[in-house]
């Protein structure tokens, strides 16, 4: 048995409508009665593109962003977690618990 702790995964919510336009991605959580359109640009849009429908970890996303930007993973992780948590509160992504 491994001592490594498994990390929860994050994935796009299945009911999200997505429309890319130029450098911006427009999102709408269709199953939320109070849905408000969300526009993501720049690093926010880049993060959205790294969140698949099947799930990935925040660690993986932070590592990809770090390799692309040259910023240390540890510096990215807290901001990434806050941003993805805000997406979850809007019904745009889901966190899947570890068994």
C-alpha atoms as a PDB file:
ATOM      1  CA  UNK A   1       0.000   0.000   0.000  1.00  0.00           C
ATOM      2  CA  UNK A   2       1.355   3.405  -0.929  1.00  0.00           C
ATOM      3  CA  UNK A   3       1.875   6.139   1.642  1.00  0.00           C
ATOM      4  CA  UNK A   4       1.162   8.778  -0.991  1.00  0.00           C
ATOM      5  CA  UNK A   5      -2.143  10.516  -0.451  1.00  0.00           C
ATOM      6  CA  UNK A   6      -4.402  10.601  -3.446  1.00  0.00           C
ATOM      7  CA  UNK A   7      -5.653  14.002  -4.458  1.00  0.00           C
ATOM      8  CA  UNK A   8      -9.252  14.787  -5.387  1.00  0.00           C
ATOM      9  CA  UNK A   9      -9.812  15.451  -9.059  1.00  0.00           C
ATOM     10  CA  UNK A  10     -11.538  18.363 -10.718  1.00  0.00           C
ATOM     11  CA  UNK A  11     -13.542  18.135 -13.934  1.00  0.00           C
ATOM     12  CA  UNK A  12     -15.847  20.281 -16.005  1.00  0.00           C
ATOM     13  CA  UNK A  13     -19.504  20.081 -15.015  1.00  0.00           C
ATOM     14  CA  UNK A  14     -21.450  18.234 -17.724  1.00  0.00           C
ATOM     15  CA  UNK A  15     -24.098  20.928 -18.136  1.00  0.00           C
ATOM     16  CA  UNK A  16     -21.746  23.808 -18.956  1.00  0.00           C
ATOM     17  CA  UNK A  17     -22.236  25.585 -22.262  1.00  0.00           C
ATOM     18  CA  UNK A  18     -18.946  26.886 -23.646  1.00  0.00           C
ATOM     19  CA  UNK A  19     -18.383  29.397 -26.432  1.00  0.00           C
ATOM     20  CA  UNK A  20     -14.853  30.476 -27.326  1.00  0.00           C
ATOM     21  CA  UNK A  21     -14.370  33.834 -29.008  1.00  0.00           C
ATOM     22  CA  UNK A  22     -10.920  35.164 -29.800  1.00  0.00           C
ATOM     23  CA  UNK A  23      -8.904  34.874 -26.563  1.00  0.00           C
ATOM     24  CA  UNK A  24     -11.985  34.610 -24.315  1.00  0.00           C
ATOM     25  CA  UNK A  25     -14.117  31.636 -23.299  1.00  0.00           C
ATOM     26  CA  UNK A  26     -17.728  32.309 -22.314  1.00  0.00           C
ATOM     27  CA  UNK A  27     -19.321  29.785 -19.934  1.00  0.00           C
ATOM     28  CA  UNK A  28     -22.843  29.195 -18.669  1.00  0.00           C
ATOM     29  CA  UNK A  29     -23.908  26.584 -16.086  1.00  0.00           C
ATOM     30  CA  UNK A  30     -27.135  25.434 -17.730  1.00  0.00           C
ATOM     31  CA  UNK A  31     -28.459  23.477 -14.725  1.00  0.00           C
ATOM     32  CA  UNK A  32     -28.235  26.489 -12.396  1.00  0.00           C
ATOM     33  CA  UNK A  33     -31.497  28.457 -12.248  1.00  0.00           C
ATOM     34  CA  UNK A  34     -29.529  31.548 -11.237  1.00  0.00           C
ATOM     35  CA  UNK A  35     -26.892  31.060 -13.918  1.00  0.00           C
ATOM     36  CA  UNK A  36     -24.826  34.052 -14.848  1.00  0.00           C
ATOM     37  CA  UNK A  37     -22.541  34.023 -17.886  1.00  0.00           C
ATOM     38  CA  UNK A  38     -18.844  33.875 -17.038  1.00  0.00           C
ATOM     39  CA  UNK A  39     -16.130  35.226 -19.335  1.00  0.00           C
ATOM     40  CA  UNK A  40     -12.621  33.833 -18.892  1.00  0.00           C
ATOM     41  CA  UNK A  41      -9.600  35.399 -20.568  1.00  0.00           C
ATOM     42  CA  UNK A  42      -5.833  35.156 -20.235  1.00  0.00           C
ATOM     43  CA  UNK A  43      -4.621  32.755 -17.566  1.00  0.00           C
ATOM     44  CA  UNK A  44      -8.205  31.994 -16.502  1.00  0.00           C
ATOM     45  CA  UNK A  45      -9.022  30.722 -20.000  1.00  0.00           C
ATOM     46  CA  UNK A  46      -5.762  28.743 -20.041  1.00  0.00           C
ATOM     47  CA  UNK A  47      -6.694  27.063 -16.762  1.00  0.00           C
ATOM     48  CA  UNK A  48     -10.178  26.253 -18.099  1.00  0.00           C
ATOM     49  CA  UNK A  49      -8.603  24.540 -21.103  1.00  0.00           C
ATOM     50  CA  UNK A  50      -6.559  22.342 -18.733  1.00  0.00           C
ATOM     51  CA  UNK A  51      -9.653  21.084 -16.892  1.00  0.00           C
ATOM     52  CA  UNK A  52     -10.967  18.062 -18.792  1.00  0.00           C
ATOM     53  CA  UNK A  53     -14.408  16.472 -18.667  1.00  0.00           C
ATOM     54  CA  UNK A  54     -12.895  13.275 -17.213  1.00  0.00           C
ATOM     55  CA  UNK A  55     -10.968  14.941 -14.373  1.00  0.00           C
ATOM     56  CA  UNK A  56      -7.441  15.855 -13.380  1.00  0.00           C
ATOM     57  CA  UNK A  57      -5.733  17.035 -10.217  1.00  0.00           C
ATOM     58  CA  UNK A  58      -4.903  20.603  -9.309  1.00  0.00           C
ATOM     59  CA  UNK A  59      -1.315  19.455  -8.876  1.00  0.00           C
ATOM     60  CA  UNK A  60      -1.200  18.359 -12.510  1.00  0.00           C
ATOM     61  CA  UNK A  61      -2.688  21.665 -13.698  1.00  0.00           C
ATOM     62  CA  UNK A  62      -0.189  23.623 -11.561  1.00  0.00           C
ATOM     63  CA  UNK A  63       2.708  21.595 -12.993  1.00  0.00           C
ATOM     64  CA  UNK A  64       1.592  22.282 -16.580  1.00  0.00           C
ATOM     65  CA  UNK A  65       1.158  25.999 -15.856  1.00  0.00           C
ATOM     66  CA  UNK A  66       4.561  26.087 -14.165  1.00  0.00           C
ATOM     67  CA  UNK A  67       6.289  24.463 -17.132  1.00  0.00           C
ATOM     68  CA  UNK A  68       4.604  26.896 -19.535  1.00  0.00           C
ATOM     69  CA  UNK A  69       5.191  30.052 -17.477  1.00  0.00           C
ATOM     70  CA  UNK A  70       8.399  29.405 -15.557  1.00  0.00           C
ATOM     71  CA  UNK A  71       6.644  30.277 -12.279  1.00  0.00           C
ATOM     72  CA  UNK A  72       7.224  27.813  -9.432  1.00  0.00           C
ATOM     73  CA  UNK A  73       4.426  25.283  -8.890  1.00  0.00           C
ATOM     74  CA  UNK A  74       4.200  26.221  -5.208  1.00  0.00           C
ATOM     75  CA  UNK A  75       3.483  29.847  -6.178  1.00  0.00           C
ATOM     76  CA  UNK A  76       0.718  28.788  -8.564  1.00  0.00           C
ATOM     77  CA  UNK A  77      -1.066  26.244  -6.372  1.00  0.00           C
ATOM     78  CA  UNK A  78      -2.839  28.526  -3.853  1.00  0.00           C
ATOM     79  CA  UNK A  79      -4.117  30.916  -6.520  1.00  0.00           C
ATOM     80  CA  UNK A  80      -5.166  27.990  -8.699  1.00  0.00           C
ATOM     81  CA  UNK A  81      -7.094  26.375  -5.839  1.00  0.00           C
ATOM     82  CA  UNK A  82      -8.930  29.653  -5.111  1.00  0.00           C
ATOM     83  CA  UNK A  83      -9.808  30.147  -8.774  1.00  0.00           C
ATOM     84  CA  UNK A  84     -11.039  26.589  -9.329  1.00  0.00           C
ATOM     85  CA  UNK A  85     -13.029  26.752  -6.077  1.00  0.00           C
ATOM     86  CA  UNK A  86     -14.750  29.883  -7.416  1.00  0.00           C
ATOM     87  CA  UNK A  87     -15.569  27.998 -10.639  1.00  0.00           C
ATOM     88  CA  UNK A  88     -17.058  25.208  -8.518  1.00  0.00           C
ATOM     89  CA  UNK A  89     -19.214  27.677  -6.564  1.00  0.00           C
ATOM     90  CA  UNK A  90     -20.657  28.824  -9.896  1.00  0.00           C
ATOM     91  CA  UNK A  91     -21.451  25.257 -10.953  1.00  0.00           C
ATOM     92  CA  UNK A  92     -18.835  25.205 -13.721  1.00  0.00           C
ATOM     93  CA  UNK A  93     -16.577  22.464 -12.338  1.00  0.00           C
ATOM     94  CA  UNK A  94     -16.980  19.546  -9.953  1.00  0.00           C
ATOM     95  CA  UNK A  95     -14.541  18.090  -7.437  1.00  0.00           C
ATOM     96  CA  UNK A  96     -14.573  14.301  -7.209  1.00  0.00           C
ATOM     97  CA  UNK A  97     -13.652  12.967  -3.783  1.00  0.00           C
ATOM     98  CA  UNK A  98     -10.962  10.357  -3.321  1.00  0.00           C
ATOM     99  CA  UNK A  99     -12.209   6.932  -2.215  1.00  0.00           C
END
